C-alpha atoms as a PDB file:
ATOM      1  CA  MET A   1     -90.960 -92.628-133.673  1.00  0.00           C
ATOM      2  CA  VAL A   2     -87.672 -94.496-133.399  1.00  0.00           C
ATOM      3  CA  LYS A   3     -87.173 -97.678-135.339  1.00  0.00           C
ATOM      4  CA  ALA A   4     -84.431-100.093-134.341  1.00  0.00           C
ATOM      5  CA  VAL A   5     -82.432-101.239-137.325  1.00  0.00           C
ATOM      6  CA  ASN A   6     -79.586-103.703-137.247  1.00  0.00           C
ATOM      7  CA  LYS A   7     -77.845-103.603-140.631  1.00  0.00           C
ATOM      8  CA  LEU A   8     -74.313-104.276-141.751  1.00  0.00           C
ATOM      9  CA  ILE A   9     -72.911-101.242-143.525  1.00  0.00           C
ATOM     10  CA  LEU A  10     -69.781-101.371-145.670  1.00  0.00           C
ATOM     11  CA  GLU A  11     -68.092 -98.013-146.158  1.00  0.00           C
ATOM     12  CA  ILE A  12     -65.428 -97.571-148.840  1.00  0.00           C
ATOM     13  CA  ASN A  13     -63.309 -94.464-148.228  1.00  0.00           C
ATOM     14  CA  ASN A  14     -60.954 -94.851-151.189  1.00  0.00           C
ATOM     15  CA  THR A  15     -63.200 -95.244-154.234  1.00  0.00           C
ATOM     16  CA  GLU A  16     -60.387 -94.569-156.733  1.00  0.00           C
ATOM     17  CA  ASN A  17     -62.824 -92.262-158.523  1.00  0.00           C
ATOM     18  CA  GLU A  18     -62.165 -88.586-159.168  1.00  0.00           C
ATOM     19  CA  TYR A  19     -65.800 -87.668-158.491  1.00  0.00           C
ATOM     20  CA  PHE A  20     -66.575 -89.630-155.312  1.00  0.00           C
ATOM     21  CA  GLU A  21     -64.546 -89.836-152.132  1.00  0.00           C
ATOM     22  CA  LYS A  22     -66.727 -92.295-150.222  1.00  0.00           C
ATOM     23  CA  ALA A  23     -69.273 -95.023-150.961  1.00  0.00           C
ATOM     24  CA  VAL A  24     -71.654 -96.632-148.499  1.00  0.00           C
ATOM     25  CA  PHE A  25     -73.195-100.070-149.067  1.00  0.00           C
ATOM     26  CA  TYR A  26     -76.052-101.535-147.037  1.00  0.00           C
ATOM     27  CA  VAL A  27     -75.380-105.265-147.039  1.00  0.00           C
ATOM     28  CA  ARG A  28     -78.204-107.766-147.409  1.00  0.00           C
ATOM     29  CA  PRO A  29     -78.598-109.843-144.236  1.00  0.00           C
ATOM     30  CA  GLU A  30     -78.023-113.148-146.039  1.00  0.00           C
ATOM     31  CA  MET A  31     -74.707-111.861-147.432  1.00  0.00           C
ATOM     32  CA  SER A  32     -73.313-110.452-144.200  1.00  0.00           C
ATOM     33  CA  ALA A  33     -71.088-113.497-143.583  1.00  0.00           C
ATOM     34  CA  SER A  34     -69.562-113.406-147.075  1.00  0.00           C
ATOM     35  CA  ASN A  35     -65.814-112.936-147.392  1.00  0.00           C
ATOM     36  CA  LYS A  36     -66.325-111.317-150.797  1.00  0.00           C
ATOM     37  CA  LEU A  37     -68.029-108.111-149.585  1.00  0.00           C
ATOM     38  CA  ARG A  38     -65.098-105.746-150.122  1.00  0.00           C
ATOM     39  CA  ALA A  39     -64.172-107.304-153.477  1.00  0.00           C
ATOM     40  CA  GLN A  40     -67.764-107.099-154.716  1.00  0.00           C
ATOM     41  CA  ALA A  41     -68.039-103.478-153.580  1.00  0.00           C
ATOM     42  CA  GLN A  42     -64.838-102.532-155.409  1.00  0.00           C
ATOM     43  CA  LEU A  43     -66.005-104.407-158.508  1.00  0.00           C
ATOM     44  CA  TYR A  44     -69.327-102.565-158.428  1.00  0.00           C
ATOM     45  CA  LEU A  45     -67.604 -99.216-158.006  1.00  0.00           C
ATOM     46  CA  GLY A  46     -65.287-100.006-160.910  1.00  0.00           C
ATOM     47  CA  ASN A  47     -68.266-100.560-163.197  1.00  0.00           C
ATOM     48  CA  ILE A  48     -69.892 -97.235-162.370  1.00  0.00           C
ATOM     49  CA  GLY A  49     -69.133 -94.396-164.744  1.00  0.00           C
ATOM     50  CA  LEU A  50     -70.513 -90.944-165.413  1.00  0.00           C
ATOM     51  CA  GLU A  51     -69.964 -91.068-169.151  1.00  0.00           C
ATOM     52  CA  LYS A  52     -73.050 -91.153-171.295  1.00  0.00           C
ATOM     53  CA  ARG A  53     -73.746 -94.569-172.652  1.00  0.00           C
ATOM     54  CA  LYS A  54     -74.016 -94.965-176.391  1.00  0.00           C
ATOM     55  CA  ARG A  55     -77.563 -95.072-177.566  1.00  0.00           C
ATOM     56  CA  ARG A  56     -78.424 -98.507-178.847  1.00  0.00           C
ATOM     57  CA  ILE A  57     -80.728 -98.666-181.834  1.00  0.00           C
ATOM     58  CA  ASN A  58     -83.647-100.978-181.315  1.00  0.00           C
ATOM     59  CA  ARG A  59     -83.997-103.728-183.943  1.00  0.00           C
ATOM     60  CA  ILE A  60     -87.690-102.897-184.400  1.00  0.00           C
ATOM     61  CA  THR A  61     -86.752 -99.285-185.163  1.00  0.00           C
ATOM     62  CA  VAL A  62     -84.333-100.433-187.870  1.00  0.00           C
ATOM     63  CA  ILE A  63     -86.911-102.786-189.407  1.00  0.00           C
ATOM     64  CA  ALA A  64     -89.547-100.030-189.381  1.00  0.00           C
ATOM     65  CA  GLY A  65     -87.108 -97.617-191.027  1.00  0.00           C
ATOM     66  CA  ILE A  66     -86.184-100.078-193.767  1.00  0.00           C
ATOM     67  CA  SER A  67     -89.856-100.910-194.325  1.00  0.00           C
ATOM     68  CA  GLY A  68     -90.671 -97.224-194.643  1.00  0.00           C
ATOM     69  CA  LEU A  69     -87.890 -96.729-197.181  1.00  0.00           C
ATOM     70  CA  ALA A  70     -89.009 -99.756-199.191  1.00  0.00           C
ATOM     71  CA  ALA A  71     -92.637 -98.571-199.194  1.00  0.00           C
ATOM     72  CA  GLY A  72     -91.577 -95.098-200.277  1.00  0.00           C
ATOM     73  CA  ALA A  73     -89.434 -96.508-203.070  1.00  0.00           C
ATOM     74  CA  ALA A  74     -92.297 -98.755-204.235  1.00  0.00           C
ATOM     75  CA  VAL A  75     -94.764 -95.849-204.334  1.00  0.00           C
ATOM     76  CA  SER A  76     -92.243 -93.708-206.212  1.00  0.00           C
ATOM     77  CA  LEU A  77     -91.615 -96.479-208.735  1.00  0.00           C
ATOM     78  CA  ILE A  78     -95.338 -97.080-209.295  1.00  0.00           C
ATOM     79  CA  THR A  79     -95.963 -93.333-209.658  1.00  0.00           C
ATOM     80  CA  PHE A  80     -93.098 -93.043-212.141  1.00  0.00           C
ATOM     81  CA  LEU A  81     -94.352 -95.992-214.198  1.00  0.00           C
ATOM     82  CA  ILE A  82     -97.956 -94.737-214.268  1.00  0.00           C
ATOM     83  CA  THR A  83     -97.004 -91.179-215.249  1.00  0.00           C
ATOM     84  CA  GLY A  84     -94.457 -92.450-217.757  1.00  0.00           C
ATOM     85  CA  LEU A  85     -97.036 -94.675-219.465  1.00  0.00           C
ATOM     86  CA  LEU A  86     -99.759 -92.042-219.715  1.00  0.00           C
END
């Protein structure tokens, strides 16, 4: 089966990236008349990187860790006081 597709395709041959020589963008129909297509494509390509992103610590994880430490310290203190008094 053949499907007729009429799409605007923007091809960037000079990506200024050592890993990629060409990028292909399929432009949304409502943006096809925009004068900013090439600039937006270059901006998008500039934001892409292969480096691993730093792992962000979730605030809930930090709160849970601090709560666990506080509970452990409280149990240790109570145990020390009970065994010290007996």
